[in-house]
């Protein structure tokens, strides 16, 4: 029993022992005149269900029973109700009847509550609390009270591995208890308001999601315009990209001769538009019609990404140096020192080839050793690097969603290398990259 003294402090008297205790620290707010503070255990008879078991050695008869998987906020899902043997005594002690308030004890949904309003009784599993009211008509008000506590994160859980609402915790919840007519008015008003709250909550969730994703969607749109040649105008005086193709070929030949690229890097394909305005690809004197994702300006050329971009191992070295792993490059961990590894220089580009974020590219901030999940990303010096990186960034989600491998996903190198990339004249590449940067700044 909870009461106040002349100093307006709150006390609780325990009828079993006669002990009186001040509970001012538990009282969260003042209540209107005519209301009382009480504990849920004082106005409900509490019990729990039977422990679920695959064994029926104790006899009894098969009965349907509710588990926490059947109990949700304000309703029940009964299309998957299980059956277990209950004795007559267990049926009497572990079942719900019409008007009982049922509450989940454990799991992520602890506290979920609903009133059993069916015209038949049903048995309960031990992780379902049954609250049978001592006063008729109070269940709906108490249901809303428990829901409010859960939504405001004030329905404390006990246990660490598995959160839960213990029997003692549930029975000990302090409840602001108005007279029954006022309870009915509160429940009626909530019935009018809560559908509107839910409606606006859904709208707000959509708005929040849009606010989170709109920048990514706009960046994606900007990059798509860029790689189609629609972000900046073409300037005739800048010529065509055809002259770049020979420079790319000569550069790769030299790097292969110097042992910096593999011979496979020399296998170029030639992609061209025929007189019928369709795209064709010629490899080893064989020409086939292909489909490209976009139309490209007439002064552009089209290559596969492998023609201007290769994944290489980096230079093997010994000696202390910083380990350039993903956490360090993202600023989420401090630098660690390793004794040897694959060395890269500040300004080099490296790409994740293992893990969930395969395909993510980083520009190395300082000399060091690549983390084990990286490859060095060689980009042709005849191209404007920010343009190529913008192209790879556009395909980031495709690369992430096309990983290979079960235990540890890997970058799909075949997809990566075969991405068709439109090649503008060098000056246009620079103008595109500059425009992407300008628009990106506006989005911040």
Protein backbone atom coordinates (compact mmCIF):
# COMPACT_ATOMS: atom_id res chain seq x y z
CA UNK A 1 0.00 0.00 0.00
CA UNK A 2 1.36 3.43 -1.04
CA UNK A 3 0.44 6.58 0.92
CA UNK A 4 1.70 10.11 1.63
CA UNK A 5 2.41 11.85 4.91
CA UNK A 6 1.89 15.47 5.94
CA UNK A 7 5.19 16.44 4.24
CA UNK A 8 3.92 15.01 0.91
CA UNK A 9 6.53 12.25 0.93
CA UNK A 10 5.51 8.87 -0.43
CA UNK A 11 5.68 5.74 1.73
CA UNK A 12 4.89 2.12 1.10
CA UNK A 13 3.62 -0.23 3.77
CA UNK A 14 4.23 -3.93 3.32
CA UNK A 15 1.17 -5.65 4.78
CA UNK A 16 2.92 -8.99 5.30
CA UNK A 17 5.58 -7.54 7.60
CA UNK A 18 4.20 -4.17 8.63
CA UNK A 19 7.41 -2.48 7.35
CA UNK A 20 7.08 1.11 6.13
CA UNK A 21 9.57 2.48 3.59
CA UNK A 22 9.99 5.90 1.93
CA UNK A 23 9.79 5.55 -1.89
CA UNK A 24 10.20 9.19 -2.96
CA UNK A 25 13.06 8.21 -5.28
CA UNK A 26 10.77 5.81 -7.16
CA UNK A 27 7.98 8.32 -7.78
CA UNK A 28 8.63 9.76 -11.29
CA UNK A 29 6.05 12.58 -11.22
CA UNK A 30 3.14 14.05 -9.26
CA UNK A 31 -0.34 12.70 -10.00
CA UNK A 32 -3.74 14.48 -9.92
CA UNK A 33 -5.85 14.55 -6.81
CA UNK A 34 -7.97 11.43 -6.58
CA UNK A 35 -5.31 9.24 -8.20
CA UNK A 36 -3.17 6.76 -6.29
CA UNK A 37 0.21 5.16 -6.79
CA UNK A 38 0.06 1.37 -6.62
CA UNK A 39 2.06 -1.59 -7.75
CA UNK A 40 0.74 -3.87 -10.48
CA UNK A 41 1.04 -6.83 -8.13
CA UNK A 42 -1.50 -5.16 -5.80
CA UNK A 43 -4.31 -5.00 -8.38
CA UNK A 44 -3.69 -8.22 -10.34
CA UNK A 45 -3.36 -11.88 -9.50
CA UNK A 46 -0.22 -13.05 -11.24
CA UNK A 47 0.86 -16.42 -12.58
CA UNK A 48 3.01 -17.79 -15.39
CA UNK A 49 2.56 -20.71 -17.72
CA UNK A 50 4.11 -24.18 -17.88
CA UNK A 51 7.70 -24.76 -18.92
CA UNK A 52 7.76 -25.99 -22.49
CA UNK A 53 9.07 -29.52 -22.91
CA UNK A 54 9.18 -32.13 -25.64
CA UNK A 55 8.53 -34.78 -23.00
CA UNK A 56 5.03 -35.79 -21.95
CA UNK A 57 6.06 -38.20 -19.15
CA UNK A 58 3.89 -36.44 -16.59
CA UNK A 59 0.74 -37.40 -18.44
CA UNK A 60 -2.13 -35.01 -18.95
CA UNK A 61 -4.04 -34.23 -22.11
CA UNK A 62 -2.89 -32.38 -25.27
CA UNK A 63 -3.71 -28.68 -25.09
CA UNK A 64 -2.99 -25.71 -27.30
CA UNK A 65 -0.78 -23.16 -25.57
CA UNK A 66 0.53 -19.65 -26.20
CA UNK A 67 4.23 -18.76 -26.31
CA UNK A 68 5.86 -15.35 -26.64
CA UNK A 69 5.91 -15.89 -30.42
CA UNK A 70 2.09 -15.70 -30.40
CA UNK A 71 1.87 -12.51 -28.32
CA UNK A 72 2.31 -9.03 -29.84
CA UNK A 73 1.36 -5.50 -28.85
CA UNK A 74 -2.44 -5.53 -28.66
CA UNK A 75 -3.05 -8.74 -30.61
CA UNK A 76 -2.27 -12.44 -30.95
CA UNK A 77 -1.06 -14.53 -33.91
CA UNK A 78 -2.67 -17.95 -33.50
CA UNK A 79 -1.96 -19.69 -36.80
CA UNK A 80 1.13 -21.43 -35.38
CA UNK A 81 -0.13 -22.41 -31.91
CA UNK A 82 1.70 -25.45 -30.49
CA UNK A 83 0.37 -28.37 -28.46
CA UNK A 84 1.68 -29.84 -25.21
CA UNK A 85 0.27 -32.10 -22.50
CA UNK A 86 -1.22 -30.37 -19.45
CA UNK A 87 -2.61 -31.99 -16.34
CA UNK A 88 -5.93 -30.78 -14.92
CA UNK A 89 -4.09 -28.83 -12.22
CA UNK A 90 -1.78 -27.22 -14.81
CA UNK A 91 -4.77 -26.25 -16.93
CA UNK A 92 -6.30 -24.49 -13.93
CA UNK A 93 -3.07 -22.74 -12.95
CA UNK A 94 -1.46 -22.06 -16.35
CA UNK A 95 -4.25 -20.86 -18.61
CA UNK A 96 -5.80 -17.55 -19.66
CA UNK A 97 -9.47 -16.76 -19.68
CA UNK A 98 -11.34 -13.91 -21.34
CA UNK A 99 -10.28 -10.55 -19.88
CA UNK A 100 -6.79 -11.57 -18.71
CA UNK A 101 -3.84 -9.33 -19.58
CA UNK A 102 -0.91 -11.36 -20.96
CA UNK A 103 2.66 -10.02 -20.94
CA UNK A 104 5.88 -11.38 -22.53
CA UNK A 105 8.62 -12.12 -20.05
CA UNK A 106 11.76 -12.58 -22.17
CA UNK A 107 13.53 -11.96 -25.44
CA UNK A 108 13.75 -8.87 -27.61
CA UNK A 109 9.97 -8.40 -27.33
CA UNK A 110 9.82 -8.47 -23.54
CA UNK A 111 6.89 -6.45 -22.23
CA UNK A 112 4.68 -7.07 -25.27
CA UNK A 113 1.13 -7.21 -23.96
CA UNK A 114 -2.39 -7.99 -25.12
CA UNK A 115 -5.77 -8.74 -23.54
CA UNK A 116 -7.13 -12.24 -24.14
CA UNK A 117 -10.64 -11.43 -25.43
CA UNK A 118 -11.55 -14.78 -26.93
CA UNK A 119 -14.53 -16.79 -25.63
CA UNK A 120 -12.40 -19.82 -24.84
CA UNK A 121 -9.55 -20.47 -22.44
CA UNK A 122 -6.02 -21.27 -23.59
CA UNK A 123 -2.93 -22.61 -21.82
CA UNK A 124 0.29 -20.62 -21.45
CA UNK A 125 4.01 -21.26 -21.69
CA UNK A 126 6.13 -20.23 -18.70
CA UNK A 127 7.59 -17.13 -20.47
CA UNK A 128 4.10 -15.56 -20.64
CA UNK A 129 2.84 -13.67 -17.57
CA UNK A 130 -0.88 -13.79 -16.84
CA UNK A 131 -2.33 -10.79 -15.02
CA UNK A 132 -5.91 -11.44 -13.86
CA UNK A 133 -7.50 -8.18 -12.64
CA UNK A 134 -8.77 -7.86 -9.08
CA UNK A 135 -10.99 -4.99 -10.32
CA UNK A 136 -13.01 -5.40 -13.53
CA UNK A 137 -12.28 -2.96 -16.35
CA UNK A 138 -8.69 -1.98 -15.57
CA UNK A 139 -6.80 -4.09 -18.13
CA UNK A 140 -6.93 -1.67 -21.06
CA UNK A 141 -5.57 1.20 -18.99
CA UNK A 142 -2.74 -0.95 -17.61
CA UNK A 143 -1.97 -2.27 -21.11
CA UNK A 144 -1.44 1.32 -22.31
CA UNK A 145 0.70 2.03 -19.26
CA UNK A 146 3.02 -0.92 -19.99
CA UNK A 147 3.21 0.14 -23.66
CA UNK A 148 4.17 3.68 -22.63
CA UNK A 149 6.93 2.38 -20.34
CA UNK A 150 8.34 0.23 -23.14
CA UNK A 151 8.26 3.05 -25.70
CA UNK A 152 9.97 5.45 -23.28
CA UNK A 153 12.65 2.85 -22.42
CA UNK A 154 11.54 2.83 -18.80
CA UNK A 155 10.47 -0.81 -18.75
CA UNK A 156 13.73 -2.02 -17.24
CA UNK A 157 14.96 -5.44 -18.27
CA UNK A 158 16.89 -7.88 -16.16
CA UNK A 159 19.56 -10.21 -17.45
CA UNK A 160 22.33 -9.50 -19.92
CA UNK A 161 22.49 -12.38 -22.38
CA UNK A 162 18.70 -12.46 -22.75
CA UNK A 163 16.74 -9.33 -21.73
CA UNK A 164 13.57 -10.01 -19.80
CA UNK A 165 10.79 -8.76 -17.55
CA UNK A 166 10.92 -10.91 -14.42
CA UNK A 167 7.91 -11.72 -12.27
CA UNK A 168 9.15 -9.52 -9.43
CA UNK A 169 9.92 -6.65 -11.78
CA UNK A 170 6.46 -6.82 -13.39
CA UNK A 171 4.57 -7.09 -10.10
CA UNK A 172 6.68 -4.26 -8.65
CA UNK A 173 5.97 -1.73 -11.42
CA UNK A 174 4.58 1.49 -9.94
CA UNK A 175 1.35 2.51 -11.66
CA UNK A 176 -0.40 5.91 -11.49
CA UNK A 177 -3.94 4.68 -10.88
CA UNK A 178 -6.92 6.98 -11.55
CA UNK A 179 -10.55 6.23 -10.65
CA UNK A 180 -12.21 3.74 -13.00
CA UNK A 181 -14.42 6.29 -14.84
CA UNK A 182 -11.32 8.38 -15.58
CA UNK A 183 -9.47 5.28 -16.76
CA UNK A 184 -12.28 4.65 -19.23
CA UNK A 185 -12.09 8.22 -20.51
CA UNK A 186 -8.30 7.93 -20.93
CA UNK A 187 -8.63 4.64 -22.85
CA UNK A 188 -11.35 6.12 -25.10
CA UNK A 189 -9.24 9.18 -25.87
CA UNK A 190 -6.19 7.04 -26.61
CA UNK A 191 -8.34 4.99 -28.97
CA UNK A 192 -9.04 8.18 -30.92
CA UNK A 193 -5.50 9.56 -30.86
CA UNK A 194 -3.25 6.52 -31.30
CA UNK A 195 -4.35 5.75 -34.92
CA UNK A 196 -3.43 9.34 -35.81
CA UNK A 197 -0.12 9.03 -33.96
CA UNK A 198 0.64 5.81 -35.85
CA UNK A 199 -0.28 7.46 -39.15
CA UNK A 200 2.03 10.44 -38.56
CA UNK A 201 4.72 8.13 -37.20
CA UNK A 202 4.76 6.24 -40.50
CA UNK A 203 5.00 9.51 -42.42
CA UNK A 204 7.84 10.68 -40.16
CA UNK A 205 9.68 7.37 -40.62
CA UNK A 206 9.44 7.77 -44.38
CA UNK A 207 10.70 11.33 -44.11
CA UNK A 208 13.58 10.27 -41.86
CA UNK A 209 14.53 7.52 -44.29
CA UNK A 210 14.40 9.97 -47.19
CA UNK A 211 16.61 12.44 -45.30
CA UNK A 212 19.13 9.66 -44.70
CA UNK A 213 19.17 8.39 -48.28
CA UNK A 214 18.57 11.52 -50.34
CA UNK A 215 22.23 12.57 -50.37
CA UNK A 216 23.28 9.12 -51.54
CA UNK A 217 20.59 9.15 -54.23
CA UNK A 218 21.61 12.61 -55.41
CA UNK A 219 25.31 11.64 -55.48
CA UNK A 220 24.40 8.54 -57.47
CA UNK A 221 22.44 10.67 -59.95
CA UNK A 222 25.34 13.12 -60.30
CA UNK A 223 27.78 10.28 -60.97
CA UNK A 224 25.41 8.71 -63.50
CA UNK A 225 25.12 11.99 -65.38
CA UNK A 226 28.92 12.25 -65.28
CA UNK A 227 29.73 8.83 -66.74
CA UNK A 228 27.15 9.31 -69.51
CA UNK A 229 28.64 12.62 -70.63
CA UNK A 230 25.66 14.68 -69.49
CA UNK A 231 27.20 16.58 -66.58
CA UNK A 232 29.27 19.02 -68.64
CA UNK A 233 29.01 20.00 -72.31
CA UNK A 234 31.38 18.61 -74.95
CA UNK A 235 33.80 21.13 -76.47
CA UNK A 236 34.84 20.43 -80.05
CA UNK A 237 38.25 22.09 -79.59
CA UNK A 238 39.17 19.42 -77.00
CA UNK A 239 39.20 16.79 -79.74
CA UNK A 240 38.24 13.18 -79.18
CA UNK A 241 39.36 10.45 -76.82
CA UNK A 242 40.75 8.36 -79.67
CA UNK A 243 44.25 9.76 -79.22
CA UNK A 244 44.23 8.60 -75.57
CA UNK A 245 43.81 4.97 -76.54
CA UNK A 246 47.27 4.71 -78.11
CA UNK A 247 48.85 6.41 -75.09
CA UNK A 248 47.13 3.90 -72.77
CA UNK A 249 48.41 0.99 -74.87
CA UNK A 250 52.01 2.26 -74.93
CA UNK A 251 51.99 2.89 -71.18
CA UNK A 252 50.84 -0.66 -70.42
CA UNK A 253 53.42 -2.16 -72.76
CA UNK A 254 56.20 -0.35 -70.89
CA UNK A 255 54.87 -1.38 -67.48
CA UNK A 256 54.63 -5.02 -68.57
CA UNK A 257 58.20 -4.86 -69.86
CA UNK A 258 59.32 -3.39 -66.51
CA UNK A 259 57.51 -6.19 -64.65
CA UNK A 260 55.02 -3.86 -62.97
CA UNK A 261 51.95 -5.27 -64.77
CA UNK A 262 51.13 -8.81 -65.89
CA UNK A 263 51.03 -9.66 -69.60
CA UNK A 264 47.29 -10.25 -69.32
CA UNK A 265 46.91 -6.47 -68.95
CA UNK A 266 47.79 -6.13 -72.66
CA UNK A 267 44.66 -7.97 -73.80
CA UNK A 268 42.69 -4.99 -75.01
CA UNK A 269 39.24 -5.01 -76.47
CA UNK A 270 38.02 -2.48 -79.00
CA UNK A 271 34.46 -1.25 -78.50
CA UNK A 272 32.91 0.79 -81.29
CA UNK A 273 29.57 1.95 -82.60
CA UNK A 274 28.56 0.57 -85.97
CA UNK A 275 26.73 2.34 -88.77
CA UNK A 276 23.54 0.85 -87.35
CA UNK A 277 24.13 2.77 -84.07
CA UNK A 278 24.69 -0.51 -82.21
CA UNK A 279 27.78 -1.21 -80.14
CA UNK A 280 30.24 -3.95 -81.06
CA UNK A 281 33.35 -5.36 -79.39
CA UNK A 282 36.34 -6.83 -81.19
CA UNK A 283 38.69 -9.19 -79.31
CA UNK A 284 41.32 -11.28 -81.09
CA UNK A 285 39.83 -10.55 -84.52
CA UNK A 286 36.38 -11.70 -83.40
CA UNK A 287 33.60 -9.10 -83.38
CA UNK A 288 30.36 -9.48 -81.43
CA UNK A 289 27.41 -7.20 -80.80
CA UNK A 290 27.21 -6.04 -77.16
CA UNK A 291 24.79 -4.11 -74.99
CA UNK A 292 26.09 -1.12 -73.04
CA UNK A 293 24.28 0.49 -70.12
CA UNK A 294 24.40 3.98 -71.64
CA UNK A 295 24.74 5.93 -74.85
CA UNK A 296 27.96 7.94 -74.98
CA UNK A 297 28.88 11.20 -76.76
CA UNK A 298 30.36 10.74 -80.24
CA UNK A 299 33.77 12.16 -79.24
CA UNK A 300 34.13 9.57 -76.44
CA UNK A 301 35.67 6.12 -76.69
CA UNK A 302 34.53 3.08 -74.73
CA UNK A 303 36.83 0.59 -73.00
CA UNK A 304 36.59 -2.10 -70.34
CA UNK A 305 37.75 -1.00 -66.91
CA UNK A 306 40.62 -3.53 -67.10
CA UNK A 307 42.11 -1.51 -69.98
CA UNK A 308 42.85 1.45 -67.70
CA UNK A 309 42.75 -0.16 -64.27
CA UNK A 310 44.52 -3.19 -62.75
CA UNK A 311 44.67 -4.82 -59.31
CA UNK A 312 48.29 -5.38 -58.31
CA UNK A 313 50.04 -6.72 -55.21
CA UNK A 314 52.25 -3.78 -54.34
CA UNK A 315 55.97 -3.77 -53.57
CA UNK A 316 57.18 -6.35 -51.02
CA UNK A 317 59.37 -4.78 -48.36
CA UNK A 318 60.86 -5.42 -44.92
CA UNK A 319 61.16 -2.81 -42.19
CA UNK A 320 58.83 -1.15 -39.74
CA UNK A 321 55.90 0.76 -41.15
CA UNK A 322 52.26 1.68 -40.57
CA UNK A 323 49.63 -0.94 -41.39
CA UNK A 324 47.07 0.72 -43.66
CA UNK A 325 44.01 -1.36 -42.80
CA UNK A 326 40.38 -0.32 -43.33
CA UNK A 327 39.73 0.77 -39.72
CA UNK A 328 42.77 3.03 -39.69
CA UNK A 329 41.92 4.54 -43.09
CA UNK A 330 38.37 5.25 -41.88
CA UNK A 331 39.73 6.94 -38.76
CA UNK A 332 38.23 4.32 -36.44
CA UNK A 333 41.47 2.98 -34.97
CA UNK A 334 44.97 4.18 -34.25
CA UNK A 335 47.95 3.14 -36.34
CA UNK A 336 49.68 -0.18 -35.73
CA UNK A 337 53.24 -0.94 -36.77
CA UNK A 338 54.19 -4.04 -38.78
CA UNK A 339 57.62 -5.40 -39.69
CA UNK A 340 56.97 -6.18 -43.37
CA UNK A 341 54.30 -6.24 -46.04
CA UNK A 342 53.25 -4.84 -49.39
CA UNK A 343 54.41 -1.25 -49.51
CA UNK A 344 52.43 1.61 -51.03
CA UNK A 345 53.17 5.31 -51.21
CA UNK A 346 51.13 8.31 -50.12
CA UNK A 347 48.76 9.20 -52.95
CA UNK A 348 48.47 5.62 -54.23
CA UNK A 349 45.01 4.10 -54.48
CA UNK A 350 44.13 0.80 -52.85
CA UNK A 351 40.89 -1.20 -53.05
CA UNK A 352 39.23 -3.63 -50.65
CA UNK A 353 39.02 -7.06 -52.25
CA UNK A 354 37.88 -9.07 -49.18
CA UNK A 355 35.01 -8.48 -46.78
CA UNK A 356 31.56 -6.94 -46.84
CA UNK A 357 32.75 -3.62 -48.32
CA UNK A 358 34.68 -5.13 -51.23
CA UNK A 359 35.12 -2.56 -53.98
CA UNK A 360 35.66 0.41 -51.66
CA UNK A 361 38.62 2.56 -52.76
CA UNK A 362 40.95 4.56 -50.49
CA UNK A 363 43.63 7.07 -51.39
CA UNK A 364 46.65 6.31 -49.20
CA UNK A 365 47.34 9.25 -46.82
CA UNK A 366 50.96 8.24 -46.06
CA UNK A 367 53.57 5.64 -46.92
CA UNK A 368 52.93 2.25 -45.35
CA UNK A 369 51.91 -1.36 -45.81
CA UNK A 370 48.54 -2.35 -47.25
CA UNK A 371 46.22 -4.33 -44.98
CA UNK A 372 45.74 -7.96 -45.96
CA UNK A 373 42.29 -7.29 -47.43
CA UNK A 374 43.59 -4.77 -50.00
CA UNK A 375 45.08 -4.73 -53.46
CA UNK A 376 46.85 -1.77 -54.99
CA UNK A 377 44.79 -0.11 -57.70
CA UNK A 378 46.84 0.84 -60.75
CA UNK A 379 45.21 3.60 -62.79
CA UNK A 380 46.54 4.65 -66.17
CA UNK A 381 48.46 7.92 -65.93
CA UNK A 382 47.01 8.96 -69.28
CA UNK A 383 43.63 9.31 -67.55
CA UNK A 384 42.51 11.87 -64.97
CA UNK A 385 42.40 9.74 -61.82
CA UNK A 386 39.47 11.51 -60.11
CA UNK A 387 37.33 10.67 -63.15
CA UNK A 388 38.12 6.93 -62.90
CA UNK A 389 37.53 6.95 -59.14
CA UNK A 390 34.15 8.62 -59.68
CA UNK A 391 33.27 5.85 -62.14
CA UNK A 392 34.20 3.13 -59.63
CA UNK A 393 32.25 4.94 -56.92
CA UNK A 394 29.15 4.87 -59.13
CA UNK A 395 29.34 1.06 -59.24
CA UNK A 396 30.10 0.71 -55.50
CA UNK A 397 26.77 -0.95 -54.66
CA UNK A 398 26.93 -3.30 -57.64
CA UNK A 399 30.41 -4.42 -56.59
CA UNK A 400 29.33 -4.82 -52.97
CA UNK A 401 26.26 -6.86 -53.91
CA UNK A 402 28.14 -9.12 -56.35
CA UNK A 403 30.81 -10.44 -54.00
CA UNK A 404 31.98 -14.01 -54.33
CA UNK A 405 32.79 -16.51 -51.60
CA UNK A 406 30.75 -17.86 -48.71
CA UNK A 407 32.81 -17.54 -45.51
CA UNK A 408 34.68 -14.37 -46.56
CA UNK A 409 33.16 -12.56 -49.55
CA UNK A 410 35.60 -11.39 -52.23
CA UNK A 411 35.48 -8.71 -54.88
CA UNK A 412 34.04 -10.08 -58.11
CA UNK A 413 37.10 -9.28 -60.25
CA UNK A 414 35.45 -10.46 -63.46
CA UNK A 415 32.60 -7.98 -62.97
CA UNK A 416 35.06 -5.27 -61.91
CA UNK A 417 37.36 -5.67 -64.90
CA UNK A 418 34.57 -5.96 -67.47
CA UNK A 419 32.67 -2.81 -66.51
CA UNK A 420 32.40 -0.66 -69.68
CA UNK A 421 33.71 2.86 -69.10
CA UNK A 422 33.19 5.83 -71.37
CA UNK A 423 36.45 7.70 -72.05
CA UNK A 424 36.11 11.45 -72.68
CA UNK A 425 38.99 13.66 -73.88
CA UNK A 426 41.43 14.40 -71.06
CA UNK A 427 40.30 18.01 -70.53
CA UNK A 428 36.68 16.92 -70.37
CA UNK A 429 37.60 14.33 -67.73
CA UNK A 430 39.04 17.17 -65.65
CA UNK A 431 35.95 19.31 -66.10
CA UNK A 432 33.68 16.39 -65.13
CA UNK A 433 35.68 15.67 -61.96
CA UNK A 434 35.66 19.36 -61.04
CA UNK A 435 31.89 19.58 -61.52
CA UNK A 436 31.31 16.45 -59.42
CA UNK A 437 33.33 18.03 -56.61
CA UNK A 438 31.41 21.31 -56.84
CA UNK A 439 28.02 19.56 -56.67
CA UNK A 440 29.20 17.28 -53.85
CA UNK A 441 30.15 20.36 -51.81
CA UNK A 442 26.63 21.74 -52.27
CA UNK A 443 25.17 18.53 -50.84
CA UNK A 444 27.08 18.83 -47.57
